[in-house]
Structures are given as C-alpha cells and as structure tokens.
C-alpha atoms as a PDB file:
ATOM      1  CA  UNK A   1       0.285  -0.308   0.037  1.00  0.00           C
ATOM      2  CA  UNK A   2       1.430   3.042  -1.012  1.00  0.00           C
ATOM      3  CA  UNK A   3       0.520   6.824  -2.040  1.00  0.00           C
ATOM      4  CA  UNK A   4       2.271   9.446  -4.151  1.00  0.00           C
ATOM      5  CA  UNK A   5       1.595  12.698  -5.698  1.00  0.00           C
ATOM      6  CA  UNK A   6       1.792  14.429  -9.019  1.00  0.00           C
ATOM      7  CA  UNK A   7       1.830  18.467  -9.424  1.00  0.00           C
ATOM      8  CA  UNK A   8       0.995  20.101 -12.550  1.00  0.00           C
ATOM      9  CA  UNK A   9       3.910  20.313 -14.990  1.00  0.00           C
ATOM     10  CA  UNK A  10       5.371  17.655 -12.551  1.00  0.00           C
ATOM     11  CA  UNK A  11       9.093  16.829 -14.319  1.00  0.00           C
ATOM     12  CA  UNK A  12      12.025  15.090 -13.260  1.00  0.00           C
ATOM     13  CA  UNK A  13      14.633  17.106 -11.318  1.00  0.00           C
ATOM     14  CA  UNK A  14      17.680  15.004 -12.906  1.00  0.00           C
ATOM     15  CA  UNK A  15      17.477  14.692 -16.840  1.00  0.00           C
ATOM     16  CA  UNK A  16      20.112  12.981 -19.097  1.00  0.00           C
ATOM     17  CA  UNK A  17      21.399  15.225 -21.460  1.00  0.00           C
ATOM     18  CA  UNK A  18      23.871  14.884 -24.679  1.00  0.00           C
ATOM     19  CA  UNK A  19      26.901  17.115 -25.792  1.00  0.00           C
ATOM     20  CA  UNK A  20      26.644  17.526 -29.214  1.00  0.00           C
ATOM     21  CA  UNK A  21      29.063  16.071 -31.579  1.00  0.00           C
ATOM     22  CA  UNK A  22      29.243  16.625 -35.446  1.00  0.00           C
ATOM     23  CA  UNK A  23      27.822  13.091 -35.971  1.00  0.00           C
ATOM     24  CA  UNK A  24      24.762  13.510 -33.756  1.00  0.00           C
ATOM     25  CA  UNK A  25      23.777  17.046 -35.062  1.00  0.00           C
ATOM     26  CA  UNK A  26      23.930  15.465 -38.103  1.00  0.00           C
ATOM     27  CA  UNK A  27      22.422  12.182 -37.434  1.00  0.00           C
ATOM     28  CA  UNK A  28      19.598  13.844 -35.767  1.00  0.00           C
ATOM     29  CA  UNK A  29      18.873  16.771 -38.386  1.00  0.00           C
ATOM     30  CA  UNK A  30      20.383  19.361 -35.728  1.00  0.00           C
ATOM     31  CA  UNK A  31      21.871  21.587 -38.076  1.00  0.00           C
ATOM     32  CA  UNK A  32      20.978  24.425 -36.096  1.00  0.00           C
ATOM     33  CA  UNK A  33      22.582  23.572 -32.975  1.00  0.00           C
ATOM     34  CA  UNK A  34      26.545  24.232 -32.002  1.00  0.00           C
ATOM     35  CA  UNK A  35      28.636  21.760 -31.662  1.00  0.00           C
ATOM     36  CA  UNK A  36      29.576  20.889 -27.818  1.00  0.00           C
ATOM     37  CA  UNK A  37      26.143  22.266 -27.305  1.00  0.00           C
ATOM     38  CA  UNK A  38      24.067  20.478 -24.784  1.00  0.00           C
ATOM     39  CA  UNK A  39      20.559  19.032 -26.056  1.00  0.00           C
ATOM     40  CA  UNK A  40      18.160  17.551 -24.150  1.00  0.00           C
ATOM     41  CA  UNK A  41      16.166  17.643 -21.127  1.00  0.00           C
ATOM     42  CA  UNK A  42      12.572  19.290 -20.557  1.00  0.00           C
ATOM     43  CA  UNK A  43      11.488  22.526 -20.876  1.00  0.00           C
ATOM     44  CA  UNK A  44       8.137  22.419 -18.419  1.00  0.00           C
ATOM     45  CA  UNK A  45       6.843  24.138 -15.897  1.00  0.00           C
ATOM     46  CA  UNK A  46       8.278  23.507 -12.413  1.00  0.00           C
ATOM     47  CA  UNK A  47       5.481  21.464 -10.672  1.00  0.00           C
ATOM     48  CA  UNK A  48       3.773  24.512  -9.284  1.00  0.00           C
ATOM     49  CA  UNK A  49      -0.137  24.263  -9.046  1.00  0.00           C
ATOM     50  CA  UNK A  50      -2.495  21.652  -8.667  1.00  0.00           C
ATOM     51  CA  UNK A  51      -1.536  18.205  -7.089  1.00  0.00           C
ATOM     52  CA  UNK A  52      -3.357  15.006  -7.543  1.00  0.00           C
ATOM     53  CA  UNK A  53      -2.988  12.422  -4.974  1.00  0.00           C
ATOM     54  CA  UNK A  54      -3.120   8.849  -6.052  1.00  0.00           C
ATOM     55  CA  UNK A  55      -3.020   5.738  -3.428  1.00  0.00           C
ATOM     56  CA  UNK A  56      -3.562   1.951  -4.444  1.00  0.00           C
ATOM     57  CA  UNK A  57      -2.912  -1.217  -3.141  1.00  0.00           C
ATOM     58  CA  UNK A  58      -0.244  -3.370  -5.082  1.00  0.00           C
ATOM     59  CA  UNK A  59       0.171  -7.294  -5.228  1.00  0.00           C
ATOM     60  CA  UNK A  60       2.362  -9.450  -6.826  1.00  0.00           C
ATOM     61  CA  UNK A  61      -0.008  -9.065  -9.840  1.00  0.00           C
ATOM     62  CA  UNK A  62      -0.006  -5.552  -9.801  1.00  0.00           C
ATOM     63  CA  UNK A  63      -2.177  -2.948  -8.608  1.00  0.00           C
ATOM     64  CA  UNK A  64      -5.351  -4.773  -6.528  1.00  0.00           C
ATOM     65  CA  UNK A  65      -8.398  -3.617  -8.777  1.00  0.00           C
ATOM     66  CA  UNK A  66     -10.640  -1.330  -7.142  1.00  0.00           C
ATOM     67  CA  UNK A  67      -8.513   0.259  -4.657  1.00  0.00           C
ATOM     68  CA  UNK A  68      -6.986   2.687  -6.754  1.00  0.00           C
ATOM     69  CA  UNK A  69      -7.793   6.284  -5.475  1.00  0.00           C
ATOM     70  CA  UNK A  70      -7.347   9.423  -7.093  1.00  0.00           C
ATOM     71  CA  UNK A  71      -8.192  13.161  -6.196  1.00  0.00           C
ATOM     72  CA  UNK A  72      -7.082  16.511  -6.411  1.00  0.00           C
ATOM     73  CA  UNK A  73      -5.504  18.164  -3.515  1.00  0.00           C
ATOM     74  CA  UNK A  74      -7.309  21.388  -2.141  1.00  0.00           C
ATOM     75  CA  UNK A  75      -4.284  22.282   0.183  1.00  0.00           C
ATOM     76  CA  UNK A  76      -1.692  24.815  -0.769  1.00  0.00           C
ATOM     77  CA  UNK A  77       1.114  23.249   0.991  1.00  0.00           C
ATOM     78  CA  UNK A  78       5.051  21.442  -0.209  1.00  0.00           C
ATOM     79  CA  UNK A  79       3.664  17.983   1.618  1.00  0.00           C
ATOM     80  CA  UNK A  80       1.074  16.058   0.039  1.00  0.00           C
ATOM     81  CA  UNK A  81       0.784  14.111   3.468  1.00  0.00           C
ATOM     82  CA  UNK A  82      -1.414  17.371   4.386  1.00  0.00           C
ATOM     83  CA  UNK A  83      -3.967  16.049   2.245  1.00  0.00           C
ATOM     84  CA  UNK A  84      -4.455  12.821   3.547  1.00  0.00           C
ATOM     85  CA  UNK A  85      -5.287  12.325   7.486  1.00  0.00           C
ATOM     86  CA  UNK A  86      -6.610   9.699   9.403  1.00  0.00           C
ATOM     87  CA  UNK A  87     -10.356  10.060   8.989  1.00  0.00           C
ATOM     88  CA  UNK A  88      -9.686  10.588   4.833  1.00  0.00           C
ATOM     89  CA  UNK A  89      -7.378   7.322   5.094  1.00  0.00           C
ATOM     90  CA  UNK A  90     -10.150   5.497   7.244  1.00  0.00           C
ATOM     91  CA  UNK A  91     -12.403   6.031   5.004  1.00  0.00           C
ATOM     92  CA  UNK A  92     -10.853   4.979   2.025  1.00  0.00           C
ATOM     93  CA  UNK A  93     -10.079   1.608   3.826  1.00  0.00           C
ATOM     94  CA  UNK A  94     -13.410   1.185   4.776  1.00  0.00           C
ATOM     95  CA  UNK A  95     -15.341   1.975   1.993  1.00  0.00           C
ATOM     96  CA  UNK A  96     -12.740   1.174  -0.701  1.00  0.00           C
ATOM     97  CA  UNK A  97     -10.241  -1.086   0.244  1.00  0.00           C
ATOM     98  CA  UNK A  98     -11.587  -4.046   2.783  1.00  0.00           C
ATOM     99  CA  UNK A  99     -13.848  -5.920   0.567  1.00  0.00           C
ATOM    100  CA  UNK A 100     -11.144  -5.864  -2.060  1.00  0.00           C
ATOM    101  CA  UNK A 101      -8.461  -7.849  -0.456  1.00  0.00           C
ATOM    102  CA  UNK A 102      -8.033 -11.531  -0.214  1.00  0.00           C
ATOM    103  CA  UNK A 103      -8.327 -13.058   3.089  1.00  0.00           C
ATOM    104  CA  UNK A 104      -4.984 -13.559   4.916  1.00  0.00           C
ATOM    105  CA  UNK A 105      -3.746 -10.683   2.773  1.00  0.00           C
ATOM    106  CA  UNK A 106      -0.591  -9.120   4.209  1.00  0.00           C
ATOM    107  CA  UNK A 107      -0.665  -5.448   4.452  1.00  0.00           C
ATOM    108  CA  UNK A 108       2.505  -3.983   3.991  1.00  0.00           C
ATOM    109  CA  UNK A 109       2.636   0.209   4.439  1.00  0.00           C
ATOM    110  CA  UNK A 110       4.850   3.085   5.864  1.00  0.00           C
ATOM    111  CA  UNK A 111       4.579   5.017   9.057  1.00  0.00           C
ATOM    112  CA  UNK A 112       2.616   7.665   7.792  1.00  0.00           C
ATOM    113  CA  UNK A 113       0.929   9.606  10.540  1.00  0.00           C
ATOM    114  CA  UNK A 114      -2.316   8.894   8.911  1.00  0.00           C
ATOM    115  CA  UNK A 115      -1.711   4.674   8.561  1.00  0.00           C
ATOM    116  CA  UNK A 116      -1.928   4.597  12.108  1.00  0.00           C
ATOM    117  CA  UNK A 117      -3.423   6.920  15.384  1.00  0.00           C
ATOM    118  CA  UNK A 118      -4.710   7.035  18.652  1.00  0.00           C
ATOM    119  CA  UNK A 119      -8.137   6.885  19.143  1.00  0.00           C
ATOM    120  CA  UNK A 120      -8.472   8.690  21.574  1.00  0.00           C
ATOM    121  CA  UNK A 121      -5.364  11.267  21.773  1.00  0.00           C
ATOM    122  CA  UNK A 122      -6.170  12.703  25.544  1.00  0.00           C
ATOM    123  CA  UNK A 123      -6.903  16.334  26.614  1.00  0.00           C
ATOM    124  CA  UNK A 124      -6.102  19.297  25.251  1.00  0.00           C
ATOM    125  CA  UNK A 125      -3.761  22.015  27.429  1.00  0.00           C
ATOM    126  CA  UNK A 126      -6.837  23.664  28.828  1.00  0.00           C
ATOM    127  CA  UNK A 127      -7.527  23.307  32.308  1.00  0.00           C
ATOM    128  CA  UNK A 128     -11.283  22.855  31.760  1.00  0.00           C
ATOM    129  CA  UNK A 129     -10.507  20.459  28.995  1.00  0.00           C
ATOM    130  CA  UNK A 130      -8.456  18.461  31.152  1.00  0.00           C
ATOM    131  CA  UNK A 131     -10.749  18.165  34.396  1.00  0.00           C
ATOM    132  CA  UNK A 132     -13.609  17.232  31.918  1.00  0.00           C
ATOM    133  CA  UNK A 133     -11.366  14.499  30.172  1.00  0.00           C
ATOM    134  CA  UNK A 134     -10.350  13.259  33.796  1.00  0.00           C
ATOM    135  CA  UNK A 135     -14.267  13.319  34.803  1.00  0.00           C
ATOM    136  CA  UNK A 136     -15.389  11.300  31.934  1.00  0.00           C
ATOM    137  CA  UNK A 137     -13.051   8.472  33.257  1.00  0.00           C
ATOM    138  CA  UNK A 138     -14.606   8.282  36.315  1.00  0.00           C
ATOM    139  CA  UNK A 139     -11.929  10.847  38.163  1.00  0.00           C
ATOM    140  CA  UNK A 140     -13.563  11.882  41.441  1.00  0.00           C
ATOM    141  CA  UNK A 141     -12.972  14.864  43.713  1.00  0.00           C
ATOM    142  CA  UNK A 142     -12.216  18.664  43.446  1.00  0.00           C
ATOM    143  CA  UNK A 143      -9.958  18.542  40.712  1.00  0.00           C
ATOM    144  CA  UNK A 144     -10.210  22.701  40.015  1.00  0.00           C
ATOM    145  CA  UNK A 145      -7.429  22.896  43.033  1.00  0.00           C
ATOM    146  CA  UNK A 146      -4.880  20.945  40.815  1.00  0.00           C
ATOM    147  CA  UNK A 147      -2.064  22.825  38.700  1.00  0.00           C
ATOM    148  CA  UNK A 148      -2.474  22.021  35.098  1.00  0.00           C
ATOM    149  CA  UNK A 149       0.833  20.146  35.388  1.00  0.00           C
ATOM    150  CA  UNK A 150      -0.357  17.851  38.286  1.00  0.00           C
ATOM    151  CA  UNK A 151      -3.921  17.311  36.309  1.00  0.00           C
ATOM    152  CA  UNK A 152      -1.382  15.895  33.265  1.00  0.00           C
ATOM    153  CA  UNK A 153      -0.072  13.584  35.552  1.00  0.00           C
ATOM    154  CA  UNK A 154      -2.992  12.118  36.691  1.00  0.00           C
ATOM    155  CA  UNK A 155      -3.818  11.608  32.764  1.00  0.00           C
ATOM    156  CA  UNK A 156      -1.086   9.457  32.415  1.00  0.00           C
ATOM    157  CA  UNK A 157      -3.179   6.518  34.361  1.00  0.00           C
ATOM    158  CA  UNK A 158      -5.546   6.566  31.698  1.00  0.00           C
ATOM    159  CA  UNK A 159      -3.666   7.257  28.557  1.00  0.00           C
ATOM    160  CA  UNK A 160      -1.782   3.796  29.145  1.00  0.00           C
ATOM    161  CA  UNK A 161      -5.230   2.133  28.682  1.00  0.00           C
ATOM    162  CA  UNK A 162      -5.411   4.279  25.575  1.00  0.00           C
ATOM    163  CA  UNK A 163      -6.730   2.430  22.166  1.00  0.00           C
ATOM    164  CA  UNK A 164      -4.382   2.637  19.511  1.00  0.00           C
ATOM    165  CA  UNK A 165      -6.022   2.414  16.346  1.00  0.00           C
ATOM    166  CA  UNK A 166      -4.566   0.170  13.462  1.00  0.00           C
ATOM    167  CA  UNK A 167      -6.385  -0.732  10.380  1.00  0.00           C
ATOM    168  CA  UNK A 168      -4.555  -4.242   9.977  1.00  0.00           C
ATOM    169  CA  UNK A 169      -3.435  -6.264  12.840  1.00  0.00           C
ATOM    170  CA  UNK A 170      -4.490  -6.091  16.526  1.00  0.00           C
ATOM    171  CA  UNK A 171      -5.532  -2.770  18.047  1.00  0.00           C
END
C-alpha cells in the first residue's frame, strides 16, 4: 500500500543530457545546434500548481483492482501528506479497500501518521478540558485545586489504556 502525488507540470529533477558532436548533430538533423552544446532535457513548468494524490494497494500481480484512489489536492502546501489524514485514510480503507483484499493478505505500509493513530489522544492543554477528560474517565473529587501540570500527570494512568487504532492487525 502506498500513496504518491503529481503536481501540474511535474518533472524529474535530473535528466540525461547529451553533448552534441558533429555526428550526432548530422544524424539527428540538428544542424541549428552548435557543436559541443548540451541538448536534451525538458522545458516544462516547475511543478507548481494543482496536485493530484494517488493511492493504491499492490500485490505480486500488480495493483489490486478497485483500490485505486485519485483525488485533486485542495491545500497549498509543499507536502502531499497534508492532504491525507486519519479520517480520510480510514474512509478510503473502509469504503474502497477492505472488501477487495483476499483473506489472509499481508498489508505493508510506511509509518505515515495517518496510517495509525490514537483513537483517544487525551485532553487538550486547557485546564477545563483536562478536568472534563478526567471526569469522563471516572476521576472523582475536587480537581479545580490542582495545577495543569498535576492534572496532566493524573491523565497518564488513563493514557496507558488508550486504544491505538491500526487498521490491520490488532489494536
């Protein structure tokens, strides 16, 4: 399983170039080129602009039919990983992939942050949010008297039981 991207006008950074000698110039019909000039390369835009993101599952037989996903990116960032997030990835897996994989398939993927994520990340840094998070987990008593640092320390005993959600394998 992998994803990649392509920008409008996408091109390679490194290209083969050829230094023109008399034989090459004559053979290729490039009489307008000066001897010893470099020829070749691509004269395209630098890849700025719209981006498409491409994802698919592959097997030894090629792309697993029906797992291809191509969409136009909407964010204007340099990294296509900003376009794919945990929710987007989970929706893709649930709606487009799971029923296409054969039973017993082994899925290999990189450690992109959206490939696995905490189901419950824990509370935000605001004191009221921390207190609410602790109370939802059954913490009793007067919590207002604690500092934020002390409350966050109390959160640690609940975080050990936080579910780490992975789509393939055990949670």
